[in-house]
mmCIF file of all heavy atoms, coordinates in Angstrom:
data_MODEL
# 
_entry.id   MODEL 
# 
loop_
_atom_site.group_PDB 
_atom_site.id 
_atom_site.type_symbol 
_atom_site.label_atom_id 
_atom_site.label_alt_id 
_atom_site.label_comp_id 
_atom_site.label_asym_id 
_atom_site.label_entity_id 
_atom_site.label_seq_id 
_atom_site.pdbx_PDB_ins_code 
_atom_site.Cartn_x 
_atom_site.Cartn_y 
_atom_site.Cartn_z 
_atom_site.occupancy 
_atom_site.B_iso_or_equiv 
_atom_site.pdbx_formal_charge 
_atom_site.auth_seq_id 
_atom_site.auth_comp_id 
_atom_site.auth_asym_id 
_atom_site.auth_atom_id 
_atom_site.pdbx_PDB_model_num 
ATOM 1   N N   . PHE A 1 1  ? 4.124   2.087   -10.944 1.00 0.00 ? 1  PHE A N   1 
ATOM 2   C CA  . PHE A 1 1  ? 2.712   1.826   -10.669 1.00 0.00 ? 1  PHE A CA  1 
ATOM 3   C C   . PHE A 1 1  ? 2.377   2.387   -9.339  1.00 0.00 ? 1  PHE A C   1 
ATOM 4   O O   . PHE A 1 1  ? 3.029   2.055   -8.302  1.00 0.00 ? 1  PHE A O   1 
ATOM 5   C CB  . PHE A 1 1  ? 2.394   0.377   -10.680 1.00 0.00 ? 1  PHE A CB  1 
ATOM 6   C CG  . PHE A 1 1  ? 0.954   0.027   -10.483 1.00 0.00 ? 1  PHE A CG  1 
ATOM 7   C CD1 . PHE A 1 1  ? 0.021   0.063   -11.516 1.00 0.00 ? 1  PHE A CD1 1 
ATOM 8   C CD2 . PHE A 1 1  ? 0.449   -0.317  -9.180  1.00 0.00 ? 1  PHE A CD2 1 
ATOM 9   C CE1 . PHE A 1 1  ? -1.362  -0.279  -11.301 1.00 0.00 ? 1  PHE A CE1 1 
ATOM 10  C CE2 . PHE A 1 1  ? -0.850  -0.596  -8.984  1.00 0.00 ? 1  PHE A CE2 1 
ATOM 11  C CZ  . PHE A 1 1  ? -1.775  -0.582  -9.995  1.00 0.00 ? 1  PHE A CZ  1 
ATOM 12  N N   . ARG A 1 2  ? 1.446   3.282   -9.309  1.00 0.00 ? 2  ARG A N   1 
ATOM 13  C CA  . ARG A 1 2  ? 1.031   3.972   -8.034  1.00 0.00 ? 2  ARG A CA  1 
ATOM 14  C C   . ARG A 1 2  ? -0.504  3.734   -7.821  1.00 0.00 ? 2  ARG A C   1 
ATOM 15  O O   . ARG A 1 2  ? -1.247  3.966   -8.724  1.00 0.00 ? 2  ARG A O   1 
ATOM 16  C CB  . ARG A 1 2  ? 1.328   5.439   -7.969  1.00 0.00 ? 2  ARG A CB  1 
ATOM 17  C CG  . ARG A 1 2  ? 0.809   6.194   -6.756  1.00 0.00 ? 2  ARG A CG  1 
ATOM 18  C CD  . ARG A 1 2  ? 1.263   7.566   -6.672  1.00 0.00 ? 2  ARG A CD  1 
ATOM 19  N NE  . ARG A 1 2  ? 0.826   8.390   -7.765  1.00 0.00 ? 2  ARG A NE  1 
ATOM 20  C CZ  . ARG A 1 2  ? 1.058   9.731   -7.874  1.00 0.00 ? 2  ARG A CZ  1 
ATOM 21  N NH1 . ARG A 1 2  ? 1.756   10.317  -6.933  1.00 0.00 ? 2  ARG A NH1 1 
ATOM 22  N NH2 . ARG A 1 2  ? 0.550   10.325  -8.875  1.00 0.00 ? 2  ARG A NH2 1 
ATOM 23  N N   . SER A 1 3  ? -0.898  3.290   -6.629  1.00 0.00 ? 3  SER A N   1 
ATOM 24  C CA  . SER A 1 3  ? -2.306  3.003   -6.329  1.00 0.00 ? 3  SER A CA  1 
ATOM 25  C C   . SER A 1 3  ? -2.604  3.601   -4.983  1.00 0.00 ? 3  SER A C   1 
ATOM 26  O O   . SER A 1 3  ? -1.880  3.400   -4.011  1.00 0.00 ? 3  SER A O   1 
ATOM 27  C CB  . SER A 1 3  ? -2.579  1.491   -6.314  1.00 0.00 ? 3  SER A CB  1 
ATOM 28  O OG  . SER A 1 3  ? -3.866  1.255   -5.866  1.00 0.00 ? 3  SER A OG  1 
ATOM 29  N N   . VAL A 1 4  ? -3.736  4.360   -4.949  1.00 0.00 ? 4  VAL A N   1 
ATOM 30  C CA  . VAL A 1 4  ? -4.236  4.883   -3.626  1.00 0.00 ? 4  VAL A CA  1 
ATOM 31  C C   . VAL A 1 4  ? -5.574  4.227   -3.406  1.00 0.00 ? 4  VAL A C   1 
ATOM 32  O O   . VAL A 1 4  ? -6.471  4.187   -4.250  1.00 0.00 ? 4  VAL A O   1 
ATOM 33  C CB  . VAL A 1 4  ? -4.403  6.401   -3.760  1.00 0.00 ? 4  VAL A CB  1 
ATOM 34  C CG1 . VAL A 1 4  ? -4.896  6.958   -2.404  1.00 0.00 ? 4  VAL A CG1 1 
ATOM 35  C CG2 . VAL A 1 4  ? -3.069  7.035   -4.029  1.00 0.00 ? 4  VAL A CG2 1 
ATOM 36  N N   . LEU A 1 5  ? -5.766  3.633   -2.227  1.00 0.00 ? 5  LEU A N   1 
ATOM 37  C CA  . LEU A 1 5  ? -7.051  3.014   -1.821  1.00 0.00 ? 5  LEU A CA  1 
ATOM 38  C C   . LEU A 1 5  ? -7.625  3.623   -0.484  1.00 0.00 ? 5  LEU A C   1 
ATOM 39  O O   . LEU A 1 5  ? -6.864  3.646   0.536   1.00 0.00 ? 5  LEU A O   1 
ATOM 40  C CB  . LEU A 1 5  ? -6.850  1.540   -1.631  1.00 0.00 ? 5  LEU A CB  1 
ATOM 41  C CG  . LEU A 1 5  ? -8.158  0.759   -1.271  1.00 0.00 ? 5  LEU A CG  1 
ATOM 42  C CD1 . LEU A 1 5  ? -9.143  0.885   -2.375  1.00 0.00 ? 5  LEU A CD1 1 
ATOM 43  C CD2 . LEU A 1 5  ? -7.799  -0.717  -0.984  1.00 0.00 ? 5  LEU A CD2 1 
ATOM 44  N N   . ARG A 1 6  ? -8.831  4.123   -0.530  1.00 0.00 ? 6  ARG A N   1 
ATOM 45  C CA  . ARG A 1 6  ? -9.410  4.726   0.720   1.00 0.00 ? 6  ARG A CA  1 
ATOM 46  C C   . ARG A 1 6  ? -10.842 4.211   0.793   1.00 0.00 ? 6  ARG A C   1 
ATOM 47  O O   . ARG A 1 6  ? -11.544 4.108   -0.133  1.00 0.00 ? 6  ARG A O   1 
ATOM 48  C CB  . ARG A 1 6  ? -9.412  6.267   0.582   1.00 0.00 ? 6  ARG A CB  1 
ATOM 49  C CG  . ARG A 1 6  ? -7.979  6.882   0.501   1.00 0.00 ? 6  ARG A CG  1 
ATOM 50  C CD  . ARG A 1 6  ? -7.965  8.335   0.830   1.00 0.00 ? 6  ARG A CD  1 
ATOM 51  N NE  . ARG A 1 6  ? -6.662  8.938   0.820   1.00 0.00 ? 6  ARG A NE  1 
ATOM 52  C CZ  . ARG A 1 6  ? -6.172  9.581   -0.193  1.00 0.00 ? 6  ARG A CZ  1 
ATOM 53  N NH1 . ARG A 1 6  ? -6.870  9.838   -1.218  1.00 0.00 ? 6  ARG A NH1 1 
ATOM 54  N NH2 . ARG A 1 6  ? -4.906  10.016  -0.146  1.00 0.00 ? 6  ARG A NH2 1 
ATOM 55  N N   . ASN A 1 7  ? -11.167 4.037   2.151   1.00 0.00 ? 7  ASN A N   1 
ATOM 56  C CA  . ASN A 1 7  ? -12.559 3.793   2.508   1.00 0.00 ? 7  ASN A CA  1 
ATOM 57  C C   . ASN A 1 7  ? -13.274 5.120   2.748   1.00 0.00 ? 7  ASN A C   1 
ATOM 58  O O   . ASN A 1 7  ? -12.874 5.963   3.469   1.00 0.00 ? 7  ASN A O   1 
ATOM 59  C CB  . ASN A 1 7  ? -12.612 3.019   3.763   1.00 0.00 ? 7  ASN A CB  1 
ATOM 60  C CG  . ASN A 1 7  ? -14.015 2.494   4.088   1.00 0.00 ? 7  ASN A CG  1 
ATOM 61  O OD1 . ASN A 1 7  ? -14.995 3.210   3.818   1.00 0.00 ? 7  ASN A OD1 1 
ATOM 62  N ND2 . ASN A 1 7  ? -14.125 1.309   4.708   1.00 0.00 ? 7  ASN A ND2 1 
ATOM 63  N N   . ILE A 1 8  ? -14.321 5.466   1.890   1.00 0.00 ? 8  ILE A N   1 
ATOM 64  C CA  . ILE A 1 8  ? -14.926 6.769   1.983   1.00 0.00 ? 8  ILE A CA  1 
ATOM 65  C C   . ILE A 1 8  ? -16.143 6.801   2.795   1.00 0.00 ? 8  ILE A C   1 
ATOM 66  O O   . ILE A 1 8  ? -16.781 7.873   2.983   1.00 0.00 ? 8  ILE A O   1 
ATOM 67  C CB  . ILE A 1 8  ? -15.292 7.327   0.590   1.00 0.00 ? 8  ILE A CB  1 
ATOM 68  C CG1 . ILE A 1 8  ? -16.296 6.408   -0.201  1.00 0.00 ? 8  ILE A CG1 1 
ATOM 69  C CG2 . ILE A 1 8  ? -14.079 7.489   -0.314  1.00 0.00 ? 8  ILE A CG2 1 
ATOM 70  C CD1 . ILE A 1 8  ? -16.727 6.974   -1.513  1.00 0.00 ? 8  ILE A CD1 1 
ATOM 71  N N   . ASP A 1 9  ? -16.523 5.563   3.410   1.00 0.00 ? 9  ASP A N   1 
ATOM 72  C CA  . ASP A 1 9  ? -17.686 5.527   4.328   1.00 0.00 ? 9  ASP A CA  1 
ATOM 73  C C   . ASP A 1 9  ? -17.387 5.516   5.790   1.00 0.00 ? 9  ASP A C   1 
ATOM 74  O O   . ASP A 1 9  ? -18.211 5.969   6.617   1.00 0.00 ? 9  ASP A O   1 
ATOM 75  C CB  . ASP A 1 9  ? -18.563 4.333   3.916   1.00 0.00 ? 9  ASP A CB  1 
ATOM 76  C CG  . ASP A 1 9  ? -19.379 4.538   2.692   1.00 0.00 ? 9  ASP A CG  1 
ATOM 77  O OD1 . ASP A 1 9  ? -19.778 5.675   2.430   1.00 0.00 ? 9  ASP A OD1 1 
ATOM 78  O OD2 . ASP A 1 9  ? -19.705 3.593   2.005   1.00 0.00 ? 9  ASP A OD2 1 
ATOM 79  N N   . ARG A 1 10 ? -16.256 4.943   6.145   1.00 0.00 ? 10 ARG A N   1 
ATOM 80  C CA  . ARG A 1 10 ? -15.916 4.888   7.527   1.00 0.00 ? 10 ARG A CA  1 
ATOM 81  C C   . ARG A 1 10 ? -14.397 4.849   7.729   1.00 0.00 ? 10 ARG A C   1 
ATOM 82  O O   . ARG A 1 10 ? -13.648 4.611   6.820   1.00 0.00 ? 10 ARG A O   1 
ATOM 83  C CB  . ARG A 1 10 ? -16.527 3.592   8.188   1.00 0.00 ? 10 ARG A CB  1 
ATOM 84  C CG  . ARG A 1 10 ? -16.016 2.271   7.597   1.00 0.00 ? 10 ARG A CG  1 
ATOM 85  C CD  . ARG A 1 10 ? -16.769 1.060   7.995   1.00 0.00 ? 10 ARG A CD  1 
ATOM 86  N NE  . ARG A 1 10 ? -16.168 -0.090  7.465   1.00 0.00 ? 10 ARG A NE  1 
ATOM 87  C CZ  . ARG A 1 10 ? -15.197 -0.807  7.971   1.00 0.00 ? 10 ARG A CZ  1 
ATOM 88  N NH1 . ARG A 1 10 ? -14.607 -0.378  9.011   1.00 0.00 ? 10 ARG A NH1 1 
ATOM 89  N NH2 . ARG A 1 10 ? -14.761 -1.875  7.263   1.00 0.00 ? 10 ARG A NH2 1 
ATOM 90  N N   . MET A 1 11 ? -13.973 5.191   8.872   1.00 0.00 ? 11 MET A N   1 
ATOM 91  C CA  . MET A 1 11 ? -12.525 5.179   9.135   1.00 0.00 ? 11 MET A CA  1 
ATOM 92  C C   . MET A 1 11 ? -12.082 3.685   9.240   1.00 0.00 ? 11 MET A C   1 
ATOM 93  O O   . MET A 1 11 ? -12.727 2.811   9.808   1.00 0.00 ? 11 MET A O   1 
ATOM 94  C CB  . MET A 1 11 ? -12.238 5.733   10.556  1.00 0.00 ? 11 MET A CB  1 
ATOM 95  C CG  . MET A 1 11 ? -12.480 7.259   10.648  1.00 0.00 ? 11 MET A CG  1 
ATOM 96  S SD  . MET A 1 11 ? -11.320 8.157   9.591   1.00 0.00 ? 11 MET A SD  1 
ATOM 97  C CE  . MET A 1 11 ? -9.699  7.740   10.388  1.00 0.00 ? 11 MET A CE  1 
ATOM 98  N N   . GLU A 1 12 ? -10.984 3.461   8.501   1.00 0.00 ? 12 GLU A N   1 
ATOM 99  C CA  . GLU A 1 12 ? -10.366 2.141   8.516   1.00 0.00 ? 12 GLU A CA  1 
ATOM 100 C C   . GLU A 1 12 ? -8.911  2.202   8.794   1.00 0.00 ? 12 GLU A C   1 
ATOM 101 O O   . GLU A 1 12 ? -8.224  3.052   8.289   1.00 0.00 ? 12 GLU A O   1 
ATOM 102 C CB  . GLU A 1 12 ? -10.636 1.435   7.124   1.00 0.00 ? 12 GLU A CB  1 
ATOM 103 C CG  . GLU A 1 12 ? -10.139 0.005   7.068   1.00 0.00 ? 12 GLU A CG  1 
ATOM 104 C CD  . GLU A 1 12 ? -10.727 -0.700  5.821   1.00 0.00 ? 12 GLU A CD  1 
ATOM 105 O OE1 . GLU A 1 12 ? -11.556 -0.087  5.111   1.00 0.00 ? 12 GLU A OE1 1 
ATOM 106 O OE2 . GLU A 1 12 ? -10.273 -1.788  5.543   1.00 0.00 ? 12 GLU A OE2 1 
ATOM 107 N N   . GLY A 1 13 ? -8.375  1.446   9.652   1.00 0.00 ? 13 GLY A N   1 
ATOM 108 C CA  . GLY A 1 13 ? -7.076  1.514   10.171  1.00 0.00 ? 13 GLY A CA  1 
ATOM 109 C C   . GLY A 1 13 ? -6.088  1.386   8.988   1.00 0.00 ? 13 GLY A C   1 
ATOM 110 O O   . GLY A 1 13 ? -6.268  0.555   8.062   1.00 0.00 ? 13 GLY A O   1 
ATOM 111 N N   . TYR A 1 14 ? -4.986  2.081   9.118   1.00 0.00 ? 14 TYR A N   1 
ATOM 112 C CA  . TYR A 1 14 ? -3.900  1.956   8.068   1.00 0.00 ? 14 TYR A CA  1 
ATOM 113 C C   . TYR A 1 14 ? -2.860  0.959   8.557   1.00 0.00 ? 14 TYR A C   1 
ATOM 114 O O   . TYR A 1 14 ? -2.458  0.975   9.705   1.00 0.00 ? 14 TYR A O   1 
ATOM 115 C CB  . TYR A 1 14 ? -3.255  3.337   7.903   1.00 0.00 ? 14 TYR A CB  1 
ATOM 116 C CG  . TYR A 1 14 ? -4.230  4.323   7.264   1.00 0.00 ? 14 TYR A CG  1 
ATOM 117 C CD1 . TYR A 1 14 ? -5.053  5.117   7.943   1.00 0.00 ? 14 TYR A CD1 1 
ATOM 118 C CD2 . TYR A 1 14 ? -4.290  4.403   5.824   1.00 0.00 ? 14 TYR A CD2 1 
ATOM 119 C CE1 . TYR A 1 14 ? -5.915  6.058   7.313   1.00 0.00 ? 14 TYR A CE1 1 
ATOM 120 C CE2 . TYR A 1 14 ? -5.126  5.207   5.160   1.00 0.00 ? 14 TYR A CE2 1 
ATOM 121 C CZ  . TYR A 1 14 ? -5.930  6.096   5.956   1.00 0.00 ? 14 TYR A CZ  1 
ATOM 122 O OH  . TYR A 1 14 ? -6.823  6.849   5.317   1.00 0.00 ? 14 TYR A OH  1 
ATOM 123 N N   . PRO A 1 15 ? -2.393  0.048   7.637   1.00 0.00 ? 15 PRO A N   1 
ATOM 124 C CA  . PRO A 1 15 ? -1.463  -0.978  8.080   1.00 0.00 ? 15 PRO A CA  1 
ATOM 125 C C   . PRO A 1 15 ? -0.031  -0.294  8.259   1.00 0.00 ? 15 PRO A C   1 
ATOM 126 O O   . PRO A 1 15 ? 0.214   0.629   7.808   1.00 0.00 ? 15 PRO A O   1 
ATOM 127 C CB  . PRO A 1 15 ? -1.518  -1.928  6.887   1.00 0.00 ? 15 PRO A CB  1 
ATOM 128 C CG  . PRO A 1 15 ? -1.856  -1.053  5.673   1.00 0.00 ? 15 PRO A CG  1 
ATOM 129 C CD  . PRO A 1 15 ? -2.706  0.023   6.278   1.00 0.00 ? 15 PRO A CD  1 
ATOM 130 N N   . PHE A 1 16 ? 0.785   -1.164  8.892   1.00 0.00 ? 16 PHE A N   1 
ATOM 131 C CA  . PHE A 1 16 ? 2.191   -0.814  8.960   1.00 0.00 ? 16 PHE A CA  1 
ATOM 132 C C   . PHE A 1 16 ? 2.790   -0.865  7.562   1.00 0.00 ? 16 PHE A C   1 
ATOM 133 O O   . PHE A 1 16 ? 2.356   -1.634  6.676   1.00 0.00 ? 16 PHE A O   1 
ATOM 134 C CB  . PHE A 1 16 ? 2.958   -1.786  9.851   1.00 0.00 ? 16 PHE A CB  1 
ATOM 135 C CG  . PHE A 1 16 ? 2.698   -1.654  11.265  1.00 0.00 ? 16 PHE A CG  1 
ATOM 136 C CD1 . PHE A 1 16 ? 1.891   -2.472  12.010  1.00 0.00 ? 16 PHE A CD1 1 
ATOM 137 C CD2 . PHE A 1 16 ? 3.109   -0.537  11.961  1.00 0.00 ? 16 PHE A CD2 1 
ATOM 138 C CE1 . PHE A 1 16 ? 1.625   -2.386  13.310  1.00 0.00 ? 16 PHE A CE1 1 
ATOM 139 C CE2 . PHE A 1 16 ? 2.813   -0.327  13.281  1.00 0.00 ? 16 PHE A CE2 1 
ATOM 140 C CZ  . PHE A 1 16 ? 2.037   -1.221  13.962  1.00 0.00 ? 16 PHE A CZ  1 
ATOM 141 N N   . PHE A 1 17 ? 3.818   -0.208  7.297   1.00 0.00 ? 17 PHE A N   1 
ATOM 142 C CA  . PHE A 1 17 ? 4.528   -0.227  6.058   1.00 0.00 ? 17 PHE A CA  1 
ATOM 143 C C   . PHE A 1 17 ? 5.117   -1.571  5.726   1.00 0.00 ? 17 PHE A C   1 
ATOM 144 O O   . PHE A 1 17 ? 5.692   -2.169  6.544   1.00 0.00 ? 17 PHE A O   1 
ATOM 145 C CB  . PHE A 1 17 ? 5.696   0.844   6.020   1.00 0.00 ? 17 PHE A CB  1 
ATOM 146 C CG  . PHE A 1 17 ? 6.524   0.733   4.816   1.00 0.00 ? 17 PHE A CG  1 
ATOM 147 C CD1 . PHE A 1 17 ? 6.104   1.243   3.615   1.00 0.00 ? 17 PHE A CD1 1 
ATOM 148 C CD2 . PHE A 1 17 ? 7.794   0.177   4.960   1.00 0.00 ? 17 PHE A CD2 1 
ATOM 149 C CE1 . PHE A 1 17 ? 6.976   1.212   2.545   1.00 0.00 ? 17 PHE A CE1 1 
ATOM 150 C CE2 . PHE A 1 17 ? 8.559   0.077   3.816   1.00 0.00 ? 17 PHE A CE2 1 
ATOM 151 C CZ  . PHE A 1 17 ? 8.190   0.611   2.640   1.00 0.00 ? 17 PHE A CZ  1 
ATOM 152 N N   . ALA A 1 18 ? 4.859   -2.050  4.419   1.00 0.00 ? 18 ALA A N   1 
ATOM 153 C CA  . ALA A 1 18 ? 5.422   -3.307  4.067   1.00 0.00 ? 18 ALA A CA  1 
ATOM 154 C C   . ALA A 1 18 ? 6.477   -3.174  2.913   1.00 0.00 ? 18 ALA A C   1 
ATOM 155 O O   . ALA A 1 18 ? 6.129   -2.468  1.876   1.00 0.00 ? 18 ALA A O   1 
ATOM 156 C CB  . ALA A 1 18 ? 4.306   -4.215  3.575   1.00 0.00 ? 18 ALA A CB  1 
ATOM 157 N N   . ALA A 1 19 ? 7.583   -3.532  3.132   1.00 0.00 ? 19 ALA A N   1 
ATOM 158 C CA  . ALA A 1 19 ? 8.654   -3.497  2.090   1.00 0.00 ? 19 ALA A CA  1 
ATOM 159 C C   . ALA A 1 19 ? 8.478   -4.648  1.135   1.00 0.00 ? 19 ALA A C   1 
ATOM 160 O O   . ALA A 1 19 ? 8.467   -5.882  1.507   1.00 0.00 ? 19 ALA A O   1 
ATOM 161 C CB  . ALA A 1 19 ? 10.050  -3.580  2.680   1.00 0.00 ? 19 ALA A CB  1 
ATOM 162 N N   . GLY A 1 20 ? 8.259   -4.359  -0.144  1.00 0.00 ? 20 GLY A N   1 
ATOM 163 C CA  . GLY A 1 20 ? 8.080   -5.456  -1.193  1.00 0.00 ? 20 GLY A CA  1 
ATOM 164 C C   . GLY A 1 20 ? 9.438   -5.990  -1.610  1.00 0.00 ? 20 GLY A C   1 
ATOM 165 O O   . GLY A 1 20 ? 10.481  -5.749  -0.963  1.00 0.00 ? 20 GLY A O   1 
ATOM 166 N N   . ASP A 1 21 ? 9.436   -6.595  -2.696  1.00 0.00 ? 21 ASP A N   1 
ATOM 167 C CA  . ASP A 1 21 ? 10.647  -7.248  -3.254  1.00 0.00 ? 21 ASP A CA  1 
ATOM 168 C C   . ASP A 1 21 ? 11.657  -6.119  -3.580  1.00 0.00 ? 21 ASP A C   1 
ATOM 169 O O   . ASP A 1 21 ? 11.330  -5.059  -4.103  1.00 0.00 ? 21 ASP A O   1 
ATOM 170 C CB  . ASP A 1 21 ? 10.359  -7.945  -4.556  1.00 0.00 ? 21 ASP A CB  1 
ATOM 171 C CG  . ASP A 1 21 ? 11.444  -8.860  -4.994  1.00 0.00 ? 21 ASP A CG  1 
ATOM 172 O OD1 . ASP A 1 21 ? 12.572  -8.846  -4.419  1.00 0.00 ? 21 ASP A OD1 1 
ATOM 173 O OD2 . ASP A 1 21 ? 11.216  -9.552  -5.961  1.00 0.00 ? 21 ASP A OD2 1 
ATOM 174 N N   . LEU A 1 22 ? 12.956  -6.362  -3.134  1.00 0.00 ? 22 LEU A N   1 
ATOM 175 C CA  . LEU A 1 22 ? 13.954  -5.404  -3.335  1.00 0.00 ? 22 LEU A CA  1 
ATOM 176 C C   . LEU A 1 22 ? 14.822  -5.712  -4.570  1.00 0.00 ? 22 LEU A C   1 
ATOM 177 O O   . LEU A 1 22 ? 15.718  -4.837  -4.912  1.00 0.00 ? 22 LEU A O   1 
ATOM 178 C CB  . LEU A 1 22 ? 14.910  -5.338  -2.097  1.00 0.00 ? 22 LEU A CB  1 
ATOM 179 C CG  . LEU A 1 22 ? 14.237  -5.045  -0.759  1.00 0.00 ? 22 LEU A CG  1 
ATOM 180 C CD1 . LEU A 1 22 ? 15.329  -5.097  0.320   1.00 0.00 ? 22 LEU A CD1 1 
ATOM 181 C CD2 . LEU A 1 22 ? 13.487  -3.712  -0.830  1.00 0.00 ? 22 LEU A CD2 1 
ATOM 182 N N   . ASP A 1 23 ? 14.526  -6.818  -5.280  1.00 0.00 ? 23 ASP A N   1 
ATOM 183 C CA  . ASP A 1 23 ? 15.373  -7.227  -6.400  1.00 0.00 ? 23 ASP A CA  1 
ATOM 184 C C   . ASP A 1 23 ? 14.921  -6.368  -7.682  1.00 0.00 ? 23 ASP A C   1 
ATOM 185 O O   . ASP A 1 23 ? 13.640  -6.317  -7.919  1.00 0.00 ? 23 ASP A O   1 
ATOM 186 C CB  . ASP A 1 23 ? 15.239  -8.722  -6.712  1.00 0.00 ? 23 ASP A CB  1 
ATOM 187 C CG  . ASP A 1 23 ? 15.904  -9.545  -5.631  1.00 0.00 ? 23 ASP A CG  1 
ATOM 188 O OD1 . ASP A 1 23 ? 16.725  -8.890  -4.796  1.00 0.00 ? 23 ASP A OD1 1 
ATOM 189 O OD2 . ASP A 1 23 ? 15.656  -10.715 -5.534  1.00 0.00 ? 23 ASP A OD2 1 
ATOM 190 N N   . VAL A 1 24 ? 15.880  -5.996  -8.467  1.00 0.00 ? 24 VAL A N   1 
ATOM 191 C CA  . VAL A 1 24 ? 15.659  -5.292  -9.715  1.00 0.00 ? 24 VAL A CA  1 
ATOM 192 C C   . VAL A 1 24 ? 15.689  -6.257  -10.798 1.00 0.00 ? 24 VAL A C   1 
ATOM 193 O O   . VAL A 1 24 ? 16.716  -6.987  -10.946 1.00 0.00 ? 24 VAL A O   1 
ATOM 194 C CB  . VAL A 1 24 ? 16.734  -4.201  -9.942  1.00 0.00 ? 24 VAL A CB  1 
ATOM 195 C CG1 . VAL A 1 24 ? 16.566  -3.480  -11.314 1.00 0.00 ? 24 VAL A CG1 1 
ATOM 196 C CG2 . VAL A 1 24 ? 16.679  -3.125  -8.806  1.00 0.00 ? 24 VAL A CG2 1 
ATOM 197 N N   . PRO A 1 25 ? 14.608  -6.520  -11.546 1.00 0.00 ? 25 PRO A N   1 
ATOM 198 C CA  . PRO A 1 25 ? 14.587  -7.606  -12.492 1.00 0.00 ? 25 PRO A CA  1 
ATOM 199 C C   . PRO A 1 25 ? 15.542  -7.552  -13.692 1.00 0.00 ? 25 PRO A C   1 
ATOM 200 O O   . PRO A 1 25 ? 16.131  -8.475  -14.155 1.00 0.00 ? 25 PRO A O   1 
ATOM 201 C CB  . PRO A 1 25 ? 13.176  -7.589  -13.016 1.00 0.00 ? 25 PRO A CB  1 
ATOM 202 C CG  . PRO A 1 25 ? 12.330  -6.831  -12.016 1.00 0.00 ? 25 PRO A CG  1 
ATOM 203 C CD  . PRO A 1 25 ? 13.303  -5.852  -11.424 1.00 0.00 ? 25 PRO A CD  1 
ATOM 204 N N   . PHE A 1 26 ? 15.711  -6.305  -14.215 1.00 0.00 ? 26 PHE A N   1 
ATOM 205 C CA  . PHE A 1 26 ? 16.580  -6.136  -15.345 1.00 0.00 ? 26 PHE A CA  1 
ATOM 206 C C   . PHE A 1 26 ? 16.995  -4.612  -15.398 1.00 0.00 ? 26 PHE A C   1 
ATOM 207 O O   . PHE A 1 26 ? 16.311  -3.715  -14.849 1.00 0.00 ? 26 PHE A O   1 
ATOM 208 C CB  . PHE A 1 26 ? 15.986  -6.494  -16.726 1.00 0.00 ? 26 PHE A CB  1 
ATOM 209 C CG  . PHE A 1 26 ? 14.716  -5.829  -17.022 1.00 0.00 ? 26 PHE A CG  1 
ATOM 210 C CD1 . PHE A 1 26 ? 14.704  -4.470  -17.595 1.00 0.00 ? 26 PHE A CD1 1 
ATOM 211 C CD2 . PHE A 1 26 ? 13.461  -6.381  -16.836 1.00 0.00 ? 26 PHE A CD2 1 
ATOM 212 C CE1 . PHE A 1 26 ? 13.557  -3.841  -17.849 1.00 0.00 ? 26 PHE A CE1 1 
ATOM 213 C CE2 . PHE A 1 26 ? 12.307  -5.664  -17.187 1.00 0.00 ? 26 PHE A CE2 1 
ATOM 214 C CZ  . PHE A 1 26 ? 12.352  -4.492  -17.731 1.00 0.00 ? 26 PHE A CZ  1 
# 
């Protein structure tokens, strides 16, 4: 799943990278 989100009206700060869950379910 890939998602891109952008504010097209004004500059908005980009957050630090967040590592999600590292566990492989199956």
